[in-house]
Amino acid sequence: MSQALRLNDSSAVIPDTLYFERRRHPRRRARGQVTAVIREPGCDDSPALLVTLDLIDLSDSGIGASADKPLPVGSRITVFFPPHGPEPGFDLAGEIVRCQSNDDRHLIGVALEEADAKQAG
């Protein structure tokens, strides 16, 4: 069963909760599942890992999501956003910069490549 992707509008901006917050762009809540391809650093000849991510938030420079298994920090990632209604699908590429275990899920942070970051906003 497919779950619809939902990117909330700018009214759903998540406020920074820490006074030392370092994010350059506001985060917007996101909901839905996306597919991603992971390539570990230095493993260009090995097969890519295909994973499903549950979106948490999205900003002009990154993606917050959760996965059912830990993903290696430093890995290259391409996230595929499916078409939704009249909107075309798109892909965003970046690097996994954080992976934190949380019960049975793993929270990941993705820093988007500069060119892709402009498309995310």
Protein backbone atom coordinates (compact mmCIF):
# COMPACT_ATOMS: atom_id res chain seq x y z
CA MET A 1 0.00 0.00 0.00
CA SER A 2 1.43 3.34 -1.04
CA GLN A 3 1.51 6.24 1.36
CA ALA A 4 1.04 9.70 -0.16
CA LEU A 5 3.87 12.16 0.20
CA ARG A 6 2.97 15.32 2.03
CA LEU A 7 5.15 18.42 2.27
CA ASN A 8 3.49 20.98 4.46
CA ASP A 9 3.38 24.64 3.56
CA SER A 10 5.46 27.38 5.16
CA SER A 11 2.94 27.73 8.01
CA ALA A 12 4.25 24.40 9.30
CA VAL A 13 7.80 25.67 9.86
CA ILE A 14 9.37 23.97 12.86
CA PRO A 15 10.76 26.60 15.25
CA ASP A 16 14.33 26.24 16.50
CA THR A 17 14.22 25.02 20.07
CA LEU A 18 17.85 25.46 21.02
CA TYR A 19 19.53 28.84 21.38
CA PHE A 20 22.65 27.49 19.68
CA GLU A 21 20.75 26.09 16.68
CA ARG A 22 23.07 26.09 13.65
CA ARG A 23 20.61 25.48 10.83
CA ARG A 24 20.84 28.00 8.00
CA HIS A 25 17.32 27.34 6.71
CA PRO A 26 13.99 26.77 8.45
CA ARG A 27 12.68 23.20 8.50
CA ARG A 28 9.23 22.27 7.26
CA ARG A 29 7.44 19.17 8.45
CA ALA A 30 7.16 16.44 5.84
CA ARG A 31 5.25 13.19 5.93
CA GLY A 32 5.32 10.14 3.69
CA GLN A 33 7.65 7.48 2.45
CA VAL A 34 10.34 7.90 -0.15
CA THR A 35 12.85 5.53 -1.69
CA ALA A 36 16.58 6.21 -1.48
CA VAL A 37 19.74 4.70 -2.91
CA ILE A 38 22.80 4.62 -0.64
CA ARG A 39 26.43 4.28 -1.72
CA GLU A 40 28.99 3.87 1.04
CA PRO A 41 32.11 6.01 0.72
CA GLY A 42 34.90 4.25 -1.19
CA CYS A 43 32.59 1.44 -2.38
CA ASP A 44 31.83 2.58 -5.93
CA ASP A 45 32.12 -0.95 -7.30
CA SER A 46 29.75 -2.54 -4.77
CA PRO A 47 25.98 -2.69 -5.30
CA ALA A 48 23.97 0.24 -3.99
CA LEU A 49 21.66 -0.23 -1.02
CA LEU A 50 17.97 0.50 -1.65
CA VAL A 51 16.05 1.73 1.44
CA THR A 52 12.67 3.19 2.33
CA LEU A 53 12.72 6.37 4.43
CA ASP A 54 9.93 7.94 6.46
CA LEU A 55 10.19 11.72 6.07
CA ILE A 56 10.26 13.92 9.16
CA ASP A 57 11.26 17.35 7.87
CA LEU A 58 12.79 19.12 4.89
CA SER A 59 14.70 22.36 4.49
CA ASP A 60 16.52 24.13 1.68
CA SER A 61 19.73 22.39 2.74
CA GLY A 62 18.72 19.05 4.22
CA ILE A 63 16.32 16.22 4.93
CA GLY A 64 15.37 14.61 8.23
CA ALA A 65 14.04 11.06 7.99
CA SER A 66 13.93 7.71 9.75
CA ALA A 67 14.95 4.27 8.50
CA ASP A 68 14.44 0.76 9.84
CA LYS A 69 18.20 0.06 9.84
CA PRO A 70 21.26 2.20 10.54
CA LEU A 71 22.79 3.95 7.53
CA PRO A 72 26.53 4.70 7.37
CA VAL A 73 27.45 8.34 8.03
CA GLY A 74 29.43 9.74 5.10
CA SER A 75 27.49 7.71 2.53
CA ARG A 76 26.18 9.30 -0.65
CA ILE A 77 22.38 9.22 -0.89
CA THR A 78 19.87 9.96 -3.62
CA VAL A 79 16.28 10.38 -2.46
CA PHE A 80 13.47 9.87 -4.98
CA PHE A 81 10.32 11.94 -4.42
CA PRO A 82 7.43 10.46 -6.44
CA PRO A 83 4.99 12.53 -8.52
CA HIS A 84 2.00 13.72 -6.54
CA GLY A 85 -1.13 14.95 -8.30
CA PRO A 86 -0.10 17.47 -10.96
CA GLU A 87 3.35 17.92 -9.39
CA PRO A 88 6.20 16.05 -11.10
CA GLY A 89 8.54 13.83 -9.13
CA PHE A 90 12.12 14.86 -8.41
CA ASP A 91 15.35 13.49 -6.94
CA LEU A 92 17.64 15.06 -4.35
CA ALA A 93 21.24 13.98 -3.72
CA GLY A 94 23.39 14.53 -0.67
CA GLU A 95 25.40 12.95 2.11
CA ILE A 96 24.27 11.24 5.31
CA VAL A 97 25.69 13.39 8.09
CA ARG A 98 23.89 11.87 11.10
CA CYS A 99 22.41 8.52 12.12
CA GLN A 100 20.98 8.14 15.64
CA SER A 101 19.27 5.04 16.98
CA ASN A 102 15.88 5.65 18.56
CA ASP A 103 14.16 2.46 19.78
CA ASP A 104 13.59 0.39 16.63
CA ARG A 105 14.09 3.30 14.16
CA HIS A 106 17.20 5.21 13.09
CA LEU A 107 16.96 8.98 12.66
CA ILE A 108 19.10 10.25 9.81
CA GLY A 109 20.15 13.70 8.68
CA VAL A 110 21.02 14.36 5.05
CA ALA A 111 22.97 17.42 3.89
CA LEU A 112 21.84 18.18 0.35
CA GLU A 113 24.21 19.06 -2.46
CA GLU A 114 24.14 22.78 -3.28
CA ALA A 115 22.31 22.41 -6.61
CA ASP A 116 19.69 20.07 -5.11
CA ALA A 117 19.18 22.29 -2.08
CA LYS A 118 17.78 25.03 -4.33
CA GLN A 119 15.18 22.60 -5.73
CA ALA A 120 14.06 21.50 -2.25
CA GLY A 121 12.87 24.95 -1.25
